[in-house]
Amino acid sequence: MDKKTVRAAFQASLPVMAAVTALLRFLPFLVFPGGRKRPQIITYLGTVLPYSVMAMLVIYCLKNVSLIAAPHGIPELLAIAAVVGLHLWKKNTLLSIFGGTALYMILVQAVFA
């Protein structure tokens, strides 16, 4: 495919992606209006899923870490410890994520390069 065809396909798909995103954002408000009680399973999933998703993300991020080859997962473990420590100390999710990410990038690119 040439560049014009790819560009046209991309531009045509943008409104579709925007509409689907808007629909998914508004769907909970349409299905469960203000005064209507949510089903118990939805409430349960709302309490359980955030922790499950975070656990899956941690596992996904650590799936290719080799404990046998250098640097033996040390940057990852230090970054995880920094995230946990920052979160326990400041109780700020963004600070924890950005601090751990910054530390990891410094360790990987400067210390263990």
N, C-alpha and C. Protein backbone atom coordinates (compact mmCIF):
# COMPACT_ATOMS: atom_id res chain seq x y z
N MET A 1 0.84 -1.19 0.00
CA MET A 1 0.00 0.00 0.00
C MET A 1 0.88 1.25 0.00
N ASP A 2 0.41 2.25 -0.70
CA ASP A 2 1.18 3.49 -0.73
C ASP A 2 0.77 4.39 0.45
N LYS A 3 1.49 5.47 0.63
CA LYS A 3 1.28 6.35 1.78
C LYS A 3 -0.10 6.99 1.77
N LYS A 4 -0.61 7.35 0.59
CA LYS A 4 -1.92 7.99 0.52
C LYS A 4 -3.02 7.04 0.97
N THR A 5 -2.91 5.78 0.60
CA THR A 5 -3.92 4.80 0.99
C THR A 5 -3.89 4.57 2.49
N VAL A 6 -2.71 4.45 3.04
CA VAL A 6 -2.57 4.25 4.49
C VAL A 6 -3.11 5.46 5.25
N ARG A 7 -2.78 6.65 4.78
CA ARG A 7 -3.26 7.87 5.43
C ARG A 7 -4.78 7.97 5.36
N ALA A 8 -5.36 7.65 4.20
CA ALA A 8 -6.81 7.71 4.06
C ALA A 8 -7.49 6.69 4.96
N ALA A 9 -6.94 5.49 5.05
CA ALA A 9 -7.52 4.47 5.92
C ALA A 9 -7.43 4.90 7.38
N PHE A 10 -6.32 5.49 7.75
CA PHE A 10 -6.16 5.96 9.13
C PHE A 10 -7.15 7.08 9.44
N GLN A 11 -7.27 8.03 8.53
CA GLN A 11 -8.19 9.14 8.74
C GLN A 11 -9.64 8.67 8.77
N ALA A 12 -9.96 7.65 8.00
CA ALA A 12 -11.33 7.12 8.01
C ALA A 12 -11.61 6.36 9.30
N SER A 13 -10.58 5.75 9.88
CA SER A 13 -10.80 4.97 11.10
C SER A 13 -10.87 5.83 12.36
N LEU A 14 -10.34 7.05 12.32
CA LEU A 14 -10.36 7.91 13.51
C LEU A 14 -11.77 8.18 14.03
N PRO A 15 -12.73 8.57 13.20
CA PRO A 15 -14.08 8.80 13.74
C PRO A 15 -14.71 7.53 14.32
N VAL A 16 -14.41 6.38 13.73
CA VAL A 16 -14.94 5.12 14.26
C VAL A 16 -14.34 4.86 15.64
N MET A 17 -13.04 5.04 15.78
CA MET A 17 -12.40 4.83 17.08
C MET A 17 -12.94 5.81 18.12
N ALA A 18 -13.15 7.06 17.72
CA ALA A 18 -13.68 8.06 18.65
C ALA A 18 -15.10 7.70 19.08
N ALA A 19 -15.92 7.23 18.13
CA ALA A 19 -17.30 6.86 18.47
C ALA A 19 -17.34 5.66 19.41
N VAL A 20 -16.52 4.66 19.15
CA VAL A 20 -16.49 3.47 20.01
C VAL A 20 -16.00 3.85 21.41
N THR A 21 -14.97 4.69 21.48
CA THR A 21 -14.46 5.13 22.78
C THR A 21 -15.53 5.89 23.54
N ALA A 22 -16.23 6.81 22.87
CA ALA A 22 -17.29 7.57 23.54
C ALA A 22 -18.41 6.65 24.00
N LEU A 23 -18.79 5.69 23.16
CA LEU A 23 -19.84 4.75 23.54
C LEU A 23 -19.45 3.95 24.78
N LEU A 24 -18.21 3.47 24.81
CA LEU A 24 -17.76 2.70 25.97
C LEU A 24 -17.69 3.57 27.23
N ARG A 25 -17.39 4.84 27.08
CA ARG A 25 -17.35 5.74 28.23
C ARG A 25 -18.74 6.04 28.76
N PHE A 26 -19.71 6.21 27.86
CA PHE A 26 -21.07 6.58 28.27
C PHE A 26 -21.95 5.38 28.61
N LEU A 27 -21.56 4.19 28.19
CA LEU A 27 -22.39 3.00 28.38
C LEU A 27 -22.76 2.74 29.84
N PRO A 28 -21.84 2.82 30.79
CA PRO A 28 -22.25 2.58 32.19
C PRO A 28 -23.32 3.55 32.68
N PHE A 29 -23.27 4.80 32.22
CA PHE A 29 -24.27 5.78 32.65
C PHE A 29 -25.62 5.51 32.00
N LEU A 30 -25.60 4.92 30.81
CA LEU A 30 -26.86 4.59 30.15
C LEU A 30 -27.48 3.34 30.74
N VAL A 31 -26.65 2.36 31.07
CA VAL A 31 -27.15 1.09 31.60
C VAL A 31 -27.57 1.23 33.06
N PHE A 32 -26.80 1.99 33.84
CA PHE A 32 -27.09 2.17 35.26
C PHE A 32 -27.30 3.65 35.56
N PRO A 33 -28.50 4.18 35.29
CA PRO A 33 -28.74 5.59 35.59
C PRO A 33 -28.63 5.88 37.09
N GLY A 34 -28.58 7.15 37.44
CA GLY A 34 -28.33 7.60 38.82
C GLY A 34 -29.11 6.89 39.91
N GLY A 35 -30.40 6.74 39.79
CA GLY A 35 -31.19 6.17 40.88
C GLY A 35 -31.28 4.66 40.87
N ARG A 36 -30.84 4.02 39.81
CA ARG A 36 -30.97 2.58 39.69
C ARG A 36 -29.83 1.87 40.44
N LYS A 37 -30.18 0.83 41.16
CA LYS A 37 -29.18 0.08 41.93
C LYS A 37 -28.39 -0.84 41.01
N ARG A 38 -27.07 -0.86 41.21
CA ARG A 38 -26.22 -1.73 40.42
C ARG A 38 -26.34 -3.17 40.91
N PRO A 39 -26.23 -4.12 39.99
CA PRO A 39 -26.23 -5.52 40.42
C PRO A 39 -25.02 -5.80 41.32
N GLN A 40 -25.19 -6.76 42.20
CA GLN A 40 -24.14 -7.08 43.17
C GLN A 40 -22.85 -7.53 42.49
N ILE A 41 -22.95 -8.23 41.37
CA ILE A 41 -21.75 -8.70 40.67
C ILE A 41 -20.93 -7.53 40.13
N ILE A 42 -21.60 -6.47 39.68
CA ILE A 42 -20.89 -5.29 39.18
C ILE A 42 -20.15 -4.60 40.33
N THR A 43 -20.80 -4.49 41.48
CA THR A 43 -20.15 -3.90 42.64
C THR A 43 -18.95 -4.74 43.07
N TYR A 44 -19.10 -6.06 43.06
CA TYR A 44 -18.00 -6.96 43.43
C TYR A 44 -16.83 -6.80 42.46
N LEU A 45 -17.14 -6.80 41.16
CA LEU A 45 -16.07 -6.65 40.16
C LEU A 45 -15.37 -5.30 40.30
N GLY A 46 -16.12 -4.28 40.68
CA GLY A 46 -15.52 -2.97 40.88
C GLY A 46 -14.53 -2.94 42.02
N THR A 47 -14.71 -3.81 43.00
CA THR A 47 -13.77 -3.85 44.11
C THR A 47 -12.60 -4.80 43.86
N VAL A 48 -12.82 -5.83 43.06
CA VAL A 48 -11.79 -6.85 42.88
C VAL A 48 -10.90 -6.61 41.65
N LEU A 49 -11.47 -6.12 40.57
CA LEU A 49 -10.73 -6.00 39.32
C LEU A 49 -9.52 -5.07 39.36
N PRO A 50 -9.57 -3.93 40.02
CA PRO A 50 -8.37 -3.08 40.02
C PRO A 50 -7.13 -3.80 40.55
N TYR A 51 -7.28 -4.57 41.61
CA TYR A 51 -6.13 -5.30 42.16
C TYR A 51 -5.69 -6.42 41.21
N SER A 52 -6.66 -7.07 40.57
CA SER A 52 -6.33 -8.13 39.63
C SER A 52 -5.58 -7.59 38.42
N VAL A 53 -6.02 -6.45 37.92
CA VAL A 53 -5.36 -5.84 36.77
C VAL A 53 -3.95 -5.42 37.14
N MET A 54 -3.75 -4.85 38.32
CA MET A 54 -2.41 -4.46 38.74
C MET A 54 -1.49 -5.67 38.87
N ALA A 55 -2.01 -6.75 39.42
CA ALA A 55 -1.20 -7.97 39.55
C ALA A 55 -0.83 -8.51 38.18
N MET A 56 -1.77 -8.49 37.25
CA MET A 56 -1.47 -8.97 35.89
C MET A 56 -0.43 -8.08 35.21
N LEU A 57 -0.50 -6.77 35.43
CA LEU A 57 0.49 -5.87 34.85
C LEU A 57 1.88 -6.12 35.42
N VAL A 58 1.97 -6.37 36.71
CA VAL A 58 3.27 -6.66 37.32
C VAL A 58 3.84 -7.95 36.74
N ILE A 59 3.01 -8.97 36.63
CA ILE A 59 3.46 -10.24 36.05
C ILE A 59 3.89 -10.05 34.61
N TYR A 60 3.12 -9.29 33.85
CA TYR A 60 3.47 -9.04 32.45
C TYR A 60 4.80 -8.30 32.34
N CYS A 61 5.02 -7.33 33.20
CA CYS A 61 6.26 -6.57 33.15
C CYS A 61 7.48 -7.39 33.56
N LEU A 62 7.26 -8.39 34.39
CA LEU A 62 8.40 -9.19 34.87
C LEU A 62 8.58 -10.50 34.11
N LYS A 63 7.78 -10.76 33.08
CA LYS A 63 7.82 -12.06 32.42
C LYS A 63 9.13 -12.34 31.69
N ASN A 64 9.83 -11.32 31.23
CA ASN A 64 11.07 -11.54 30.50
C ASN A 64 12.32 -11.26 31.33
N VAL A 65 12.17 -11.09 32.61
CA VAL A 65 13.32 -10.81 33.48
C VAL A 65 14.07 -12.12 33.72
N SER A 66 15.36 -12.09 33.45
CA SER A 66 16.19 -13.27 33.66
C SER A 66 16.95 -13.14 34.98
N LEU A 67 16.70 -14.08 35.87
CA LEU A 67 17.43 -14.07 37.14
C LEU A 67 18.79 -14.73 37.00
N ILE A 68 19.02 -15.40 35.88
CA ILE A 68 20.28 -16.09 35.65
C ILE A 68 21.32 -15.17 35.02
N ALA A 69 20.89 -14.38 34.02
CA ALA A 69 21.81 -13.49 33.31
C ALA A 69 21.86 -12.13 33.99
N ALA A 70 23.01 -11.46 33.82
CA ALA A 70 23.16 -10.11 34.39
C ALA A 70 22.14 -9.18 33.75
N PRO A 71 21.57 -8.28 34.46
CA PRO A 71 21.80 -7.86 35.84
C PRO A 71 20.94 -8.58 36.87
N HIS A 72 20.45 -9.76 36.54
CA HIS A 72 19.76 -10.65 37.48
C HIS A 72 18.47 -10.08 38.06
N GLY A 73 17.82 -9.17 37.33
CA GLY A 73 16.56 -8.61 37.79
C GLY A 73 16.70 -7.55 38.87
N ILE A 74 17.91 -7.10 39.11
CA ILE A 74 18.13 -6.10 40.17
C ILE A 74 17.43 -4.77 39.86
N PRO A 75 17.51 -4.23 38.61
CA PRO A 75 16.80 -2.97 38.35
C PRO A 75 15.30 -3.09 38.57
N GLU A 76 14.74 -4.20 38.17
CA GLU A 76 13.30 -4.40 38.33
C GLU A 76 12.91 -4.48 39.81
N LEU A 77 13.69 -5.23 40.58
CA LEU A 77 13.39 -5.35 42.01
C LEU A 77 13.55 -4.02 42.74
N LEU A 78 14.58 -3.25 42.38
CA LEU A 78 14.77 -1.95 43.01
C LEU A 78 13.63 -1.00 42.64
N ALA A 79 13.20 -1.03 41.38
CA ALA A 79 12.10 -0.17 40.96
C ALA A 79 10.79 -0.56 41.65
N ILE A 80 10.54 -1.85 41.77
CA ILE A 80 9.34 -2.31 42.48
C ILE A 80 9.39 -1.87 43.94
N ALA A 81 10.55 -2.01 44.57
CA ALA A 81 10.70 -1.58 45.97
C ALA A 81 10.47 -0.07 46.08
N ALA A 82 10.94 0.69 45.10
CA ALA A 82 10.73 2.14 45.12
C ALA A 82 9.25 2.48 44.98
N VAL A 83 8.55 1.78 44.10
CA VAL A 83 7.11 2.03 43.92
C VAL A 83 6.37 1.73 45.22
N VAL A 84 6.65 0.59 45.80
CA VAL A 84 5.97 0.21 47.05
C VAL A 84 6.32 1.18 48.16
N GLY A 85 7.60 1.51 48.28
CA GLY A 85 8.02 2.44 49.34
C GLY A 85 7.41 3.82 49.18
N LEU A 86 7.43 4.35 47.96
CA LEU A 86 6.83 5.66 47.73
C LEU A 86 5.33 5.64 48.01
N HIS A 87 4.68 4.57 47.62
CA HIS A 87 3.24 4.51 47.84
C HIS A 87 2.89 4.39 49.32
N LEU A 88 3.65 3.60 50.06
CA LEU A 88 3.40 3.49 51.49
C LEU A 88 3.71 4.80 52.21
N TRP A 89 4.71 5.52 51.71
CA TRP A 89 5.14 6.76 52.35
C TRP A 89 4.19 7.92 52.03
N LYS A 90 3.92 8.15 50.73
CA LYS A 90 3.16 9.33 50.33
C LYS A 90 1.70 9.05 49.96
N LYS A 91 1.35 7.79 49.75
CA LYS A 91 -0.02 7.41 49.36
C LYS A 91 -0.47 8.15 48.09
N ASN A 92 0.46 8.31 47.15
CA ASN A 92 0.17 9.02 45.91
C ASN A 92 0.52 8.09 44.74
N THR A 93 -0.50 7.65 44.04
CA THR A 93 -0.29 6.67 42.97
C THR A 93 0.59 7.22 41.86
N LEU A 94 0.32 8.45 41.42
CA LEU A 94 1.12 9.01 40.33
C LEU A 94 2.58 9.17 40.72
N LEU A 95 2.82 9.64 41.93
CA LEU A 95 4.20 9.77 42.40
C LEU A 95 4.88 8.40 42.44
N SER A 96 4.18 7.40 42.90
CA SER A 96 4.74 6.05 42.98
C SER A 96 5.11 5.53 41.60
N ILE A 97 4.18 5.66 40.65
CA ILE A 97 4.42 5.13 39.30
C ILE A 97 5.54 5.90 38.62
N PHE A 98 5.48 7.24 38.66
CA PHE A 98 6.51 8.02 37.99
C PHE A 98 7.87 7.86 38.66
N GLY A 99 7.89 7.81 39.98
CA GLY A 99 9.15 7.62 40.69
C GLY A 99 9.79 6.29 40.38
N GLY A 100 8.99 5.22 40.40
CA GLY A 100 9.52 3.89 40.07
C GLY A 100 9.97 3.79 38.63
N THR A 101 9.22 4.41 37.72
CA THR A 101 9.61 4.39 36.31
C THR A 101 10.90 5.16 36.09
N ALA A 102 11.01 6.33 36.71
CA ALA A 102 12.23 7.13 36.57
C ALA A 102 13.44 6.38 37.12
N LEU A 103 13.28 5.78 38.29
CA LEU A 103 14.38 5.02 38.87
C LEU A 103 14.77 3.86 37.96
N TYR A 104 13.78 3.15 37.44
CA TYR A 104 14.07 2.01 36.56
C TYR A 104 14.83 2.47 35.32
N MET A 105 14.39 3.56 34.71
CA MET A 105 15.06 4.04 33.49
C MET A 105 16.50 4.47 33.80
N ILE A 106 16.72 5.11 34.94
CA ILE A 106 18.08 5.50 35.31
C ILE A 106 18.93 4.26 35.55
N LEU A 107 18.39 3.28 36.23
CA LEU A 107 19.16 2.07 36.50
C LEU A 107 19.50 1.32 35.22
N VAL A 108 18.54 1.19 34.33
CA VAL A 108 18.77 0.42 33.10
C VAL A 108 19.70 1.15 32.14
N GLN A 109 19.56 2.48 32.03
CA GLN A 109 20.32 3.19 31.04
C GLN A 109 21.65 3.74 31.54
N ALA A 110 21.82 3.90 32.84
CA ALA A 110 23.05 4.48 33.34
C ALA A 110 23.84 3.54 34.25
N VAL A 111 23.16 2.89 35.17
CA VAL A 111 23.87 2.08 36.17
C VAL A 111 24.20 0.71 35.63
N PHE A 112 23.23 0.01 35.04
CA PHE A 112 23.43 -1.36 34.58
C PHE A 112 23.60 -1.44 33.06
N ALA A 113 24.00 -0.34 32.43
CA ALA A 113 24.12 -0.31 30.97
C ALA A 113 25.26 -1.17 30.46
